[in-house]
Structures are given as C-alpha cells and as structure tokens.
PDB file of N, CA and C in Angstrom:
ATOM      1  N   MET A   1      23.706  32.742 -28.777  1.00  0.00           N
ATOM      2  CA  MET A   1      22.301  32.210 -28.915  1.00  0.00           C
ATOM      3  C   MET A   1      22.036  32.278 -27.299  1.00  0.00           C
ATOM      4  N   ALA A   2      20.902  32.484 -26.872  1.00  0.00           N
ATOM      5  CA  ALA A   2      20.289  32.916 -25.168  1.00  0.00           C
ATOM      6  C   ALA A   2      20.176  31.647 -24.962  1.00  0.00           C
ATOM      7  N   THR A   3      20.769  31.050 -23.424  1.00  0.00           N
ATOM      8  CA  THR A   3      19.892  30.012 -23.119  1.00  0.00           C
ATOM      9  C   THR A   3      19.050  29.594 -22.755  1.00  0.00           C
ATOM     10  N   PRO A   4      18.252  28.693 -23.397  1.00  0.00           N
ATOM     11  CA  PRO A   4      17.260  28.318 -22.765  1.00  0.00           C
ATOM     12  C   PRO A   4      16.343  28.049 -21.433  1.00  0.00           C
ATOM     13  N   LYS A   5      15.074  28.821 -21.101  1.00  0.00           N
ATOM     14  CA  LYS A   5      15.316  28.673 -19.902  1.00  0.00           C
ATOM     15  C   LYS A   5      14.023  27.877 -19.420  1.00  0.00           C
ATOM     16  N   LEU A   6      13.984  26.723 -18.344  1.00  0.00           N
ATOM     17  CA  LEU A   6      13.866  25.838 -18.263  1.00  0.00           C
ATOM     18  C   LEU A   6      12.427  26.387 -17.465  1.00  0.00           C
ATOM     19  N   SER A   7      10.974  26.027 -18.176  1.00  0.00           N
ATOM     20  CA  SER A   7      10.374  26.584 -17.184  1.00  0.00           C
ATOM     21  C   SER A   7       9.093  25.921 -16.502  1.00  0.00           C
ATOM     22  N   TYR A   8       8.962  24.692 -17.055  1.00  0.00           N
ATOM     23  CA  TYR A   8       7.526  23.997 -16.825  1.00  0.00           C
ATOM     24  C   TYR A   8       8.482  22.572 -16.685  1.00  0.00           C
ATOM     25  N   VAL A   9       7.946  21.682 -16.085  1.00  0.00           N
ATOM     26  CA  VAL A   9       8.012  19.898 -15.597  1.00  0.00           C
ATOM     27  C   VAL A   9       6.365  19.534 -15.573  1.00  0.00           C
ATOM     28  N   ILE A  10       6.443  18.224 -17.072  1.00  0.00           N
ATOM     29  CA  ILE A  10       4.841  17.915 -16.603  1.00  0.00           C
ATOM     30  C   ILE A  10       5.263  16.517 -16.675  1.00  0.00           C
ATOM     31  N   GLU A  11       4.318  16.206 -15.618  1.00  0.00           N
ATOM     32  CA  GLU A  11       4.135  15.037 -15.536  1.00  0.00           C
ATOM     33  C   GLU A  11       3.422  14.742 -15.610  1.00  0.00           C
ATOM     34  N   PHE A  12       2.614  13.395 -16.655  1.00  0.00           N
ATOM     35  CA  PHE A  12       1.666  12.671 -16.477  1.00  0.00           C
ATOM     36  C   PHE A  12       0.939  11.657 -15.317  1.00  0.00           C
ATOM     37  N   VAL A  13      -0.007  11.525 -14.866  1.00  0.00           N
ATOM     38  CA  VAL A  13      -0.638  11.007 -14.070  1.00  0.00           C
ATOM     39  C   VAL A  13      -1.909  10.498 -14.059  1.00  0.00           C
ATOM     40  N   ALA A  14      -1.962   9.439 -13.416  1.00  0.00           N
ATOM     41  CA  ALA A  14      -3.152   8.049 -13.392  1.00  0.00           C
ATOM     42  C   ALA A  14      -4.444   9.133 -12.892  1.00  0.00           C
ATOM     43  N   ASP A  15      -4.475   9.643 -11.651  1.00  0.00           N
ATOM     44  CA  ASP A  15      -5.911  10.334 -11.059  1.00  0.00           C
ATOM     45  C   ASP A  15      -5.347  11.659 -10.399  1.00  0.00           C
ATOM     46  N   MET A  16      -5.781  12.684 -11.635  1.00  0.00           N
ATOM     47  CA  MET A  16      -5.979  13.719 -11.383  1.00  0.00           C
ATOM     48  C   MET A  16      -5.893  14.885  -9.883  1.00  0.00           C
ATOM     49  N   ASP A  17      -6.852  14.000  -9.180  1.00  0.00           N
ATOM     50  CA  ASP A  17      -7.564  14.488  -7.873  1.00  0.00           C
ATOM     51  C   ASP A  17      -6.523  14.056  -6.988  1.00  0.00           C
ATOM     52  N   ARG A  18      -6.042  12.442  -6.658  1.00  0.00           N
ATOM     53  CA  ARG A  18      -4.745  12.270  -6.442  1.00  0.00           C
ATOM     54  C   ARG A  18      -3.546  12.883  -6.104  1.00  0.00           C
ATOM     55  N   ALA A  19      -2.969  13.514  -7.047  1.00  0.00           N
ATOM     56  CA  ALA A  19      -1.934  14.053  -7.973  1.00  0.00           C
ATOM     57  C   ALA A  19      -1.609  15.495  -7.412  1.00  0.00           C
ATOM     58  N   VAL A  20      -3.061  15.699  -7.555  1.00  0.00           N
ATOM     59  CA  VAL A  20      -2.886  17.658  -6.794  1.00  0.00           C
ATOM     60  C   VAL A  20      -3.353  17.012  -5.916  1.00  0.00           C
ATOM     61  N   LYS A  21      -3.698  16.216  -4.899  1.00  0.00           N
ATOM     62  CA  LYS A  21      -3.891  16.031  -3.323  1.00  0.00           C
ATOM     63  C   LYS A  21      -2.258  16.211  -2.857  1.00  0.00           C
ATOM     64  N   PHE A  22      -1.647  15.250  -3.365  1.00  0.00           N
ATOM     65  CA  PHE A  22       0.339  14.751  -3.027  1.00  0.00           C
ATOM     66  C   PHE A  22       0.659  16.267  -2.948  1.00  0.00           C
ATOM     67  N   TYR A  23       0.623  16.666  -3.938  1.00  0.00           N
ATOM     68  CA  TYR A  23       1.713  18.039  -4.708  1.00  0.00           C
ATOM     69  C   TYR A  23       1.160  18.816  -3.525  1.00  0.00           C
ATOM     70  N   ARG A  24      -0.086  19.429  -3.327  1.00  0.00           N
ATOM     71  CA  ARG A  24      -0.873  20.284  -2.604  1.00  0.00           C
ATOM     72  C   ARG A  24      -0.613  20.300  -1.453  1.00  0.00           C
ATOM     73  N   ASP A  25      -1.532  18.850  -0.588  1.00  0.00           N
ATOM     74  CA  ASP A  25      -1.280  18.515   0.803  1.00  0.00           C
ATOM     75  C   ASP A  25      -0.682  18.483   0.871  1.00  0.00           C
ATOM     76  N   VAL A  26       0.213  17.315   0.845  1.00  0.00           N
ATOM     77  CA  VAL A  26       1.570  16.884   1.426  1.00  0.00           C
ATOM     78  C   VAL A  26       3.054  17.626   1.239  1.00  0.00           C
ATOM     79  N   LEU A  27       2.934  17.656  -0.219  1.00  0.00           N
ATOM     80  CA  LEU A  27       4.289  18.617  -0.369  1.00  0.00           C
ATOM     81  C   LEU A  27       4.568  19.851   0.074  1.00  0.00           C
ATOM     82  N   GLY A  28       2.812  20.389   0.030  1.00  0.00           N
ATOM     83  CA  GLY A  28       3.137  21.752  -0.129  1.00  0.00           C
ATOM     84  C   GLY A  28       2.662  22.504  -0.827  1.00  0.00           C
ATOM     85  N   LEU A  29       3.304  22.383  -2.177  1.00  0.00           N
ATOM     86  CA  LEU A  29       3.187  23.339  -3.001  1.00  0.00           C
ATOM     87  C   LEU A  29       2.093  24.032  -3.269  1.00  0.00           C
ATOM     88  N   SER A  30       2.158  25.263  -3.982  1.00  0.00           N
ATOM     89  CA  SER A  30       0.951  26.227  -4.567  1.00  0.00           C
ATOM     90  C   SER A  30       0.387  25.788  -5.532  1.00  0.00           C
ATOM     91  N   LEU A  31      -0.868  25.850  -5.422  1.00  0.00           N
ATOM     92  CA  LEU A  31      -1.205  25.240  -6.755  1.00  0.00           C
ATOM     93  C   LEU A  31      -1.527  26.894  -7.297  1.00  0.00           C
ATOM     94  N   LYS A  32      -1.747  27.057  -8.713  1.00  0.00           N
ATOM     95  CA  LYS A  32      -2.089  27.683  -9.525  1.00  0.00           C
ATOM     96  C   LYS A  32      -3.335  27.882 -10.445  1.00  0.00           C
ATOM     97  N   PHE A  33      -3.245  26.757 -10.964  1.00  0.00           N
ATOM     98  CA  PHE A  33      -4.539  26.692 -11.374  1.00  0.00           C
ATOM     99  C   PHE A  33      -4.696  24.749 -11.482  1.00  0.00           C
ATOM    100  N   GLU A  34      -6.138  24.021 -11.542  1.00  0.00           N
ATOM    101  CA  GLU A  34      -6.659  23.429 -11.166  1.00  0.00           C
ATOM    102  C   GLU A  34      -7.700  22.561 -12.410  1.00  0.00           C
ATOM    103  N   SER A  35      -7.631  21.494 -13.497  1.00  0.00           N
ATOM    104  CA  SER A  35      -8.705  21.124 -14.311  1.00  0.00           C
ATOM    105  C   SER A  35      -8.609  19.921 -14.633  1.00  0.00           C
ATOM    106  N   PRO A  36      -9.170  18.904 -14.758  1.00  0.00           N
ATOM    107  CA  PRO A  36      -9.390  17.744 -15.268  1.00  0.00           C
ATOM    108  C   PRO A  36      -8.232  17.472 -16.440  1.00  0.00           C
ATOM    109  N   GLY A  37      -7.617  18.041 -16.836  1.00  0.00           N
ATOM    110  CA  GLY A  37      -6.888  17.846 -17.937  1.00  0.00           C
ATOM    111  C   GLY A  37      -5.209  18.961 -18.086  1.00  0.00           C
ATOM    112  N   TRP A  38      -5.367  19.827 -17.168  1.00  0.00           N
ATOM    113  CA  TRP A  38      -4.187  20.134 -16.976  1.00  0.00           C
ATOM    114  C   TRP A  38      -4.323  20.771 -15.195  1.00  0.00           C
ATOM    115  N   SER A  39      -3.084  20.911 -14.438  1.00  0.00           N
ATOM    116  CA  SER A  39      -2.772  21.050 -13.543  1.00  0.00           C
ATOM    117  C   SER A  39      -1.421  21.341 -12.853  1.00  0.00           C
ATOM    118  N   GLU A  40      -1.355  23.121 -12.093  1.00  0.00           N
ATOM    119  CA  GLU A  40      -0.052  23.751 -12.175  1.00  0.00           C
ATOM    120  C   GLU A  40       0.478  24.044 -11.190  1.00  0.00           C
ATOM    121  N   PHE A  41       1.312  23.741 -10.816  1.00  0.00           N
ATOM    122  CA  PHE A  41       1.881  24.274  -9.319  1.00  0.00           C
ATOM    123  C   PHE A  41       3.177  24.958  -9.345  1.00  0.00           C
ATOM    124  N   SER A  42       2.621  26.160  -8.812  1.00  0.00           N
ATOM    125  CA  SER A  42       4.526  26.914  -8.479  1.00  0.00           C
ATOM    126  C   SER A  42       5.562  26.631  -7.656  1.00  0.00           C
ATOM    127  N   THR A  43       6.341  26.746  -8.029  1.00  0.00           N
ATOM    128  CA  THR A  43       7.901  25.830  -7.507  1.00  0.00           C
ATOM    129  C   THR A  43       8.880  27.091  -7.492  1.00  0.00           C
ATOM    130  N   GLY A  44       8.564  28.390  -7.698  1.00  0.00           N
ATOM    131  CA  GLY A  44      10.058  28.910  -7.816  1.00  0.00           C
ATOM    132  C   GLY A  44      10.055  29.380  -9.351  1.00  0.00           C
ATOM    133  N   GLU A  45      11.035  29.863 -10.181  1.00  0.00           N
ATOM    134  CA  GLU A  45      10.853  29.869 -11.760  1.00  0.00           C
ATOM    135  C   GLU A  45      10.426  28.886 -12.837  1.00  0.00           C
ATOM    136  N   THR A  46      10.743  27.598 -12.055  1.00  0.00           N
ATOM    137  CA  THR A  46       9.815  26.743 -13.061  1.00  0.00           C
ATOM    138  C   THR A  46       8.323  26.582 -12.153  1.00  0.00           C
ATOM    139  N   THR A  47       7.478  25.802 -13.203  1.00  0.00           N
ATOM    140  CA  THR A  47       6.209  25.366 -13.039  1.00  0.00           C
ATOM    141  C   THR A  47       6.295  23.853 -13.062  1.00  0.00           C
ATOM    142  N   LEU A  48       5.118  23.236 -11.900  1.00  0.00           N
ATOM    143  CA  LEU A  48       4.778  21.939 -12.031  1.00  0.00           C
ATOM    144  C   LEU A  48       3.867  21.407 -12.910  1.00  0.00           C
ATOM    145  N   GLY A  49       3.806  21.103 -14.352  1.00  0.00           N
ATOM    146  CA  GLY A  49       2.262  21.278 -14.600  1.00  0.00           C
ATOM    147  C   GLY A  49       1.634  19.334 -14.651  1.00  0.00           C
ATOM    148  N   LEU A  50       0.629  18.999 -14.390  1.00  0.00           N
ATOM    149  CA  LEU A  50      -0.087  17.815 -14.898  1.00  0.00           C
ATOM    150  C   LEU A  50      -1.132  17.440 -15.296  1.00  0.00           C
ATOM    151  N   HIS A  51      -0.724  16.721 -15.964  1.00  0.00           N
ATOM    152  CA  HIS A  51      -1.415  16.169 -17.252  1.00  0.00           C
ATOM    153  C   HIS A  51      -2.015  14.700 -17.085  1.00  0.00           C
ATOM    154  N   PRO A  52      -3.033  14.677 -17.442  1.00  0.00           N
ATOM    155  CA  PRO A  52      -3.899  12.777 -17.382  1.00  0.00           C
ATOM    156  C   PRO A  52      -2.816  11.720 -18.270  1.00  0.00           C
ATOM    157  N   SER A  53      -2.585  10.644 -18.038  1.00  0.00           N
ATOM    158  CA  SER A  53      -1.583  10.167 -18.350  1.00  0.00           C
ATOM    159  C   SER A  53      -2.856   9.273 -19.888  1.00  0.00           C
ATOM    160  N   SER A  54      -2.118   8.946 -20.863  1.00  0.00           N
ATOM    161  CA  SER A  54      -2.492   8.544 -21.840  1.00  0.00           C
ATOM    162  C   SER A  54      -2.085   6.711 -22.195  1.00  0.00           C
ATOM    163  N   GLU A  55      -2.446   6.349 -23.122  1.00  0.00           N
ATOM    164  CA  GLU A  55      -0.935   5.192 -23.746  1.00  0.00           C
ATOM    165  C   GLU A  55      -0.373   5.506 -24.453  1.00  0.00           C
ATOM    166  N   LYS A  56      -0.582   6.585 -24.549  1.00  0.00           N
ATOM    167  CA  LYS A  56       1.025   7.327 -25.368  1.00  0.00           C
ATOM    168  C   LYS A  56       2.174   7.872 -24.142  1.00  0.00           C
ATOM    169  N   ASP A  57       1.639   8.212 -22.880  1.00  0.00           N
ATOM    170  CA  ASP A  57       2.556   8.901 -22.011  1.00  0.00           C
ATOM    171  C   ASP A  57       1.499   8.144 -20.484  1.00  0.00           C
ATOM    172  N   ALA A  58       2.516   6.988 -20.414  1.00  0.00           N
ATOM    173  CA  ALA A  58       2.018   6.742 -19.357  1.00  0.00           C
ATOM    174  C   ALA A  58       2.338   7.410 -18.235  1.00  0.00           C
ATOM    175  N   ALA A  59       1.630   6.944 -16.758  1.00  0.00           N
ATOM    176  CA  ALA A  59       1.785   8.018 -15.199  1.00  0.00           C
ATOM    177  C   ALA A  59       3.000   7.374 -15.007  1.00  0.00           C
ATOM    178  N   GLY A  60       3.249   9.082 -14.696  1.00  0.00           N
ATOM    179  CA  GLY A  60       4.939   8.954 -13.806  1.00  0.00           C
ATOM    180  C   GLY A  60       5.932   9.191 -14.869  1.00  0.00           C
ATOM    181  N   LYS A  61       5.864   9.450 -16.400  1.00  0.00           N
ATOM    182  CA  LYS A  61       5.671   9.247 -17.794  1.00  0.00           C
ATOM    183  C   LYS A  61       6.252  11.299 -17.243  1.00  0.00           C
ATOM    184  N   VAL A  62       7.959  12.161 -17.292  1.00  0.00           N
ATOM    185  CA  VAL A  62       8.012  12.860 -16.933  1.00  0.00           C
ATOM    186  C   VAL A  62       8.301  13.923 -17.811  1.00  0.00           C
ATOM    187  N   GLU A  63       8.111  14.528 -18.742  1.00  0.00           N
ATOM    188  CA  GLU A  63       8.491  16.089 -19.808  1.00  0.00           C
ATOM    189  C   GLU A  63       9.161  17.033 -19.418  1.00  0.00           C
ATOM    190  N   PHE A  64      10.184  17.926 -19.965  1.00  0.00           N
ATOM    191  CA  PHE A  64      10.705  19.077 -19.804  1.00  0.00           C
ATOM    192  C   PHE A  64       9.872  19.860 -20.758  1.00  0.00           C
ATOM    193  N   GLY A  65      10.175  21.598 -20.146  1.00  0.00           N
ATOM    194  CA  GLY A  65       9.459  22.485 -21.515  1.00  0.00           C
ATOM    195  C   GLY A  65      10.582  23.598 -21.161  1.00  0.00           C
ATOM    196  N   PHE A  66      10.828  23.853 -21.892  1.00  0.00           N
ATOM    197  CA  PHE A  66      12.173  25.720 -21.974  1.00  0.00           C
ATOM    198  C   PHE A  66      11.467  26.406 -22.754  1.00  0.00           C
ATOM    199  N   ASN A  67      11.390  27.740 -22.566  1.00  0.00           N
ATOM    200  CA  ASN A  67      11.532  28.934 -23.070  1.00  0.00           C
ATOM    201  C   ASN A  67      12.357  29.151 -23.922  1.00  0.00           C
ATOM    202  N   VAL A  68      12.412  29.556 -24.693  1.00  0.00           N
ATOM    203  CA  VAL A  68      13.722  30.618 -25.612  1.00  0.00           C
ATOM    204  C   VAL A  68      13.606  31.812 -26.076  1.00  0.00           C
ATOM    205  N   ALA A  69      13.504  32.785 -26.577  1.00  0.00           N
ATOM    206  CA  ALA A  69      13.238  34.088 -27.053  1.00  0.00           C
ATOM    207  C   ALA A  69      12.691  34.349 -28.723  1.00  0.00           C
ATOM    208  N   ASP A  70      13.381  33.582 -29.446  1.00  0.00           N
ATOM    209  CA  ASP A  70      13.410  33.203 -30.346  1.00  0.00           C
ATOM    210  C   ASP A  70      13.118  31.633 -31.355  1.00  0.00           C
ATOM    211  N   LEU A  71      11.922  31.481 -31.031  1.00  0.00           N
ATOM    212  CA  LEU A  71      11.154  30.236 -31.285  1.00  0.00           C
ATOM    213  C   LEU A  71      12.252  29.542 -32.714  1.00  0.00           C
ATOM    214  N   ASP A  72      12.032  30.286 -33.296  1.00  0.00           N
ATOM    215  CA  ASP A  72      12.643  30.130 -34.966  1.00  0.00           C
ATOM    216  C   ASP A  72      13.505  30.182 -34.989  1.00  0.00           C
ATOM    217  N   LYS A  73      14.604  30.663 -34.548  1.00  0.00           N
ATOM    218  CA  LYS A  73      15.915  30.947 -34.721  1.00  0.00           C
ATOM    219  C   LYS A  73      16.346  29.363 -33.623  1.00  0.00           C
ATOM    220  N   PHE A  74      16.389  29.532 -32.290  1.00  0.00           N
ATOM    221  CA  PHE A  74      16.573  27.973 -31.619  1.00  0.00           C
ATOM    222  C   PHE A  74      16.579  26.870 -32.285  1.00  0.00           C
ATOM    223  N   TYR A  75      14.855  27.053 -33.279  1.00  0.00           N
ATOM    224  CA  TYR A  75      15.313  25.543 -34.518  1.00  0.00           C
ATOM    225  C   TYR A  75      15.790  25.816 -35.473  1.00  0.00           C
ATOM    226  N   ASP A  76      15.629  26.684 -36.083  1.00  0.00           N
ATOM    227  CA  ASP A  76      17.142  26.456 -37.173  1.00  0.00           C
ATOM    228  C   ASP A  76      18.461  26.455 -36.234  1.00  0.00           C
ATOM    229  N   ASP A  77      18.967  26.773 -35.459  1.00  0.00           N
ATOM    230  CA  ASP A  77      20.088  26.781 -34.524  1.00  0.00           C
ATOM    231  C   ASP A  77      20.156  25.120 -34.076  1.00  0.00           C
ATOM    232  N   MET A  78      19.435  24.957 -33.644  1.00  0.00           N
ATOM    233  CA  MET A  78      19.692  23.249 -32.837  1.00  0.00           C
ATOM    234  C   MET A  78      19.499  22.202 -34.806  1.00  0.00           C
ATOM    235  N   ARG A  79      18.748  22.654 -35.179  1.00  0.00           N
ATOM    236  CA  ARG A  79      18.887  21.734 -36.569  1.00  0.00           C
ATOM    237  C   ARG A  79      20.299  21.604 -37.516  1.00  0.00           C
ATOM    238  N   THR A  80      21.515  22.708 -36.770  1.00  0.00           N
ATOM    239  CA  THR A  80      22.115  22.636 -37.398  1.00  0.00           C
ATOM    240  C   THR A  80      23.265  22.075 -36.840  1.00  0.00           C
ATOM    241  N   LYS A  81      22.484  21.806 -35.351  1.00  0.00           N
ATOM    242  CA  LYS A  81      23.945  21.174 -35.089  1.00  0.00           C
ATOM    243  C   LYS A  81      23.377  19.458 -34.519  1.00  0.00           C
ATOM    244  N   GLY A  82      22.410  19.239 -35.385  1.00  0.00           N
ATOM    245  CA  GLY A  82      21.946  17.569 -35.769  1.00  0.00           C
ATOM    246  C   GLY A  82      21.330  17.443 -34.909  1.00  0.00           C
ATOM    247  N   VAL A  83      20.162  18.468 -34.314  1.00  0.00           N
ATOM    248  CA  VAL A  83      19.037  18.428 -33.271  1.00  0.00           C
ATOM    249  C   VAL A  83      17.793  17.412 -34.552  1.00  0.00           C
ATOM    250  N   LYS A  84      17.398  16.899 -34.144  1.00  0.00           N
ATOM    251  CA  LYS A  84      15.668  16.117 -34.972  1.00  0.00           C
ATOM    252  C   LYS A  84      15.095  16.536 -34.122  1.00  0.00           C
ATOM    253  N   PHE A  85      14.067  17.283 -34.805  1.00  0.00           N
ATOM    254  CA  PHE A  85      12.517  17.467 -34.280  1.00  0.00           C
ATOM    255  C   PHE A  85      11.753  16.630 -34.631  1.00  0.00           C
ATOM    256  N   SER A  86      10.296  16.261 -33.390  1.00  0.00           N
ATOM    257  CA  SER A  86       9.299  15.591 -33.945  1.00  0.00           C
ATOM    258  C   SER A  86       8.094  16.535 -34.091  1.00  0.00           C
ATOM    259  N   MET A  87       8.668  17.694 -33.860  1.00  0.00           N
ATOM    260  CA  MET A  87       7.591  18.897 -34.065  1.00  0.00           C
ATOM    261  C   MET A  87       7.955  20.037 -34.244  1.00  0.00           C
ATOM    262  N   PRO A  88       8.046  20.926 -35.473  1.00  0.00           N
ATOM    263  CA  PRO A  88       8.620  21.815 -35.707  1.00  0.00           C
ATOM    264  C   PRO A  88       7.826  22.712 -35.408  1.00  0.00           C
ATOM    265  N   PRO A  89       8.149  24.103 -35.113  1.00  0.00           N
ATOM    266  CA  PRO A  89       7.544  25.686 -34.085  1.00  0.00           C
ATOM    267  C   PRO A  89       6.215  25.274 -35.088  1.00  0.00           C
ATOM    268  N   THR A  90       5.616  25.279 -33.986  1.00  0.00           N
ATOM    269  CA  THR A  90       3.737  24.857 -34.347  1.00  0.00           C
ATOM    270  C   THR A  90       2.594  25.432 -33.387  1.00  0.00           C
ATOM    271  N   GLN A  91       2.348  26.390 -33.906  1.00  0.00           N
ATOM    272  CA  GLN A  91       0.954  27.010 -32.683  1.00  0.00           C
ATOM    273  C   GLN A  91      -0.507  26.078 -32.337  1.00  0.00           C
ATOM    274  N   GLN A  92      -0.115  26.307 -31.222  1.00  0.00           N
ATOM    275  CA  GLN A  92      -0.953  25.509 -30.309  1.00  0.00           C
ATOM    276  C   GLN A  92      -2.767  26.019 -29.999  1.00  0.00           C
ATOM    277  N   ASP A  93      -3.258  25.234 -29.532  1.00  0.00           N
ATOM    278  CA  ASP A  93      -4.814  25.218 -29.219  1.00  0.00           C
ATOM    279  C   ASP A  93      -4.816  26.487 -28.392  1.00  0.00           C
ATOM    280  N   PHE A  94      -3.582  26.301 -27.353  1.00  0.00           N
ATOM    281  CA  PHE A  94      -3.848  27.344 -26.008  1.00  0.00           C
ATOM    282  C   PHE A  94      -3.001  28.818 -27.024  1.00  0.00           C
ATOM    283  N   GLY A  95      -2.914  28.878 -27.889  1.00  0.00           N
ATOM    284  CA  GLY A  95      -2.129  29.792 -28.508  1.00  0.00           C
ATOM    285  C   GLY A  95      -1.072  30.071 -28.494  1.00  0.00           C
ATOM    286  N   GLY A  96      -0.204  29.291 -27.939  1.00  0.00           N
ATOM    287  CA  GLY A  96       1.049  29.742 -28.059  1.00  0.00           C
ATOM    288  C   GLY A  96       1.896  28.773 -28.873  1.00  0.00           C
ATOM    289  N   ARG A  97       3.344  29.221 -29.050  1.00  0.00           N
ATOM    290  CA  ARG A  97       3.531  28.263 -30.163  1.00  0.00           C
ATOM    291  C   ARG A  97       5.113  27.429 -29.909  1.00  0.00           C
ATOM    292  N   LEU A  98       5.069  26.273 -30.262  1.00  0.00           N
ATOM    293  CA  LEU A  98       5.831  25.138 -29.285  1.00  0.00           C
ATOM    294  C   LEU A  98       6.505  23.957 -30.687  1.00  0.00           C
ATOM    295  N   ALA A  99       7.655  23.799 -30.068  1.00  0.00           N
ATOM    296  CA  ALA A  99       8.435  22.747 -30.940  1.00  0.00           C
ATOM    297  C   ALA A  99       8.893  21.720 -30.273  1.00  0.00           C
ATOM    298  N   GLN A 100       9.324  20.447 -30.262  1.00  0.00           N
ATOM    299  CA  GLN A 100       9.406  19.352 -29.925  1.00  0.00           C
ATOM    300  C   GLN A 100      10.588  18.555 -30.174  1.00  0.00           C
ATOM    301  N   PHE A 101      11.890  18.048 -29.275  1.00  0.00           N
ATOM    302  CA  PHE A 101      12.543  17.088 -29.973  1.00  0.00           C
ATOM    303  C   PHE A 101      13.060  16.118 -29.149  1.00  0.00           C
ATOM    304  N   GLU A 102      13.781  15.023 -28.810  1.00  0.00           N
ATOM    305  CA  GLU A 102      14.191  14.270 -28.121  1.00  0.00           C
ATOM    306  C   GLU A 102      15.679  14.653 -28.138  1.00  0.00           C
ATOM    307  N   ASP A 103      15.972  14.452 -26.742  1.00  0.00           N
ATOM    308  CA  ASP A 103      17.478  14.680 -26.520  1.00  0.00           C
ATOM    309  C   ASP A 103      18.099  13.196 -26.496  1.00  0.00           C
ATOM    310  N   PRO A 104      19.505  12.598 -26.903  1.00  0.00           N
ATOM    311  CA  PRO A 104      19.796  11.703 -27.137  1.00  0.00           C
ATOM    312  C   PRO A 104      19.848  10.366 -26.152  1.00  0.00           C
ATOM    313  N   ASP A 105      19.120  10.204 -24.487  1.00  0.00           N
ATOM    314  CA  ASP A 105      18.415   9.340 -24.348  1.00  0.00           C
ATOM    315  C   ASP A 105      16.877   8.973 -24.799  1.00  0.00           C
ATOM    316  N   GLY A 106      16.395  10.153 -25.577  1.00  0.00           N
ATOM    317  CA  GLY A 106      14.735   9.565 -25.893  1.00  0.00           C
ATOM    318  C   GLY A 106      14.023  10.575 -25.066  1.00  0.00           C
ATOM    319  N   ALA A 107      14.396  11.350 -23.986  1.00  0.00           N
ATOM    320  CA  ALA A 107      13.931  12.478 -23.345  1.00  0.00           C
ATOM    321  C   ALA A 107      12.621  13.532 -24.070  1.00  0.00           C
ATOM    322  N   ILE A 108      11.732  13.633 -23.536  1.00  0.00           N
ATOM    323  CA  ILE A 108      10.582  14.661 -24.705  1.00  0.00           C
ATOM    324  C   ILE A 108      10.946  15.685 -24.481  1.00  0.00           C
ATOM    325  N   ILE A 109      11.245  16.843 -24.942  1.00  0.00           N
ATOM    326  CA  ILE A 109      11.927  18.311 -24.901  1.00  0.00           C
ATOM    327  C   ILE A 109      10.514  19.269 -25.752  1.00  0.00           C
ATOM    328  N   HIS A 110       9.677  19.753 -24.842  1.00  0.00           N
ATOM    329  CA  HIS A 110       9.148  21.270 -25.771  1.00  0.00           C
ATOM    330  C   HIS A 110       9.483  22.181 -25.309  1.00  0.00           C
ATOM    331  N   VAL A 111       9.776  23.223 -26.577  1.00  0.00           N
ATOM    332  CA  VAL A 111      10.109  24.502 -25.900  1.00  0.00           C
ATOM    333  C   VAL A 111       8.755  25.556 -26.688  1.00  0.00           C
ATOM    334  N   ALA A 112       9.370  26.680 -26.095  1.00  0.00           N
ATOM    335  CA  ALA A 112       8.114  27.810 -26.860  1.00  0.00           C
ATOM    336  C   ALA A 112       8.747  28.992 -26.094  1.00  0.00           C
ATOM    337  N   GLY A 113       8.397  30.325 -27.361  1.00  0.00           N
ATOM    338  CA  GLY A 113       9.171  30.648 -28.091  1.00  0.00           C
ATOM    339  C   GLY A 113       7.948  32.211 -28.122  1.00  0.00           C
TER     340      GLY A 113
END
C-alpha cells in the first residue's frame, strides 16, 4: 500500500477575516483562495485550510487531511487493521470523496482519494 500523503491541515477559526490577515500579512503565507466559509494558503506540498468554527468544531481545533491513490482500498486495508471510521468513503458536495476516522488520541483524520 502506498503511503498516505499529508495534503492539508484545517484550522477552525472564530473570525475568518482576522485569521486570513494573520496568516497572510503577519506570517507571509501565499493566499490561494478566500471566502467566508473556506480559505486556503500555500505552504509547500501541504495546504492550510481555514474553516469557520462551530459548536461542534471550536476555534483553534485542527484536523489533518491525507490523499491516497485508492480510497476504497485504503478504507478496506485500515478496517482490517482495526481502524474505526466515523465516515466511510462518501461523495462530497464539492465533488471529491472523503472518509474520516480518529487516531488513538481522538484527532479527526480526513482521507481523500
């Protein structure tokens, strides 16, 4: 099985404008895309995504996203290793397919393929 590639990190933010200004103007990251519901920065091979916080996802919470060549195979392989998925491979509104599981400490991991 090919190694998953860390493709993005999502931070949930209380104020999108303030967060964009911090990462762009203070840290100097290159802004790829900005909207009230999702903003992205280039950081090399991994994208930093900002998403509005919510009752479910508090400001400052961070989640990871990996890409794999074959999402269904990855899902099957990980399940045989005892990984519990909170979401099986599912078609998303944005057009891609994602699965979701938690690591042993409860961190949310998204996988696209």
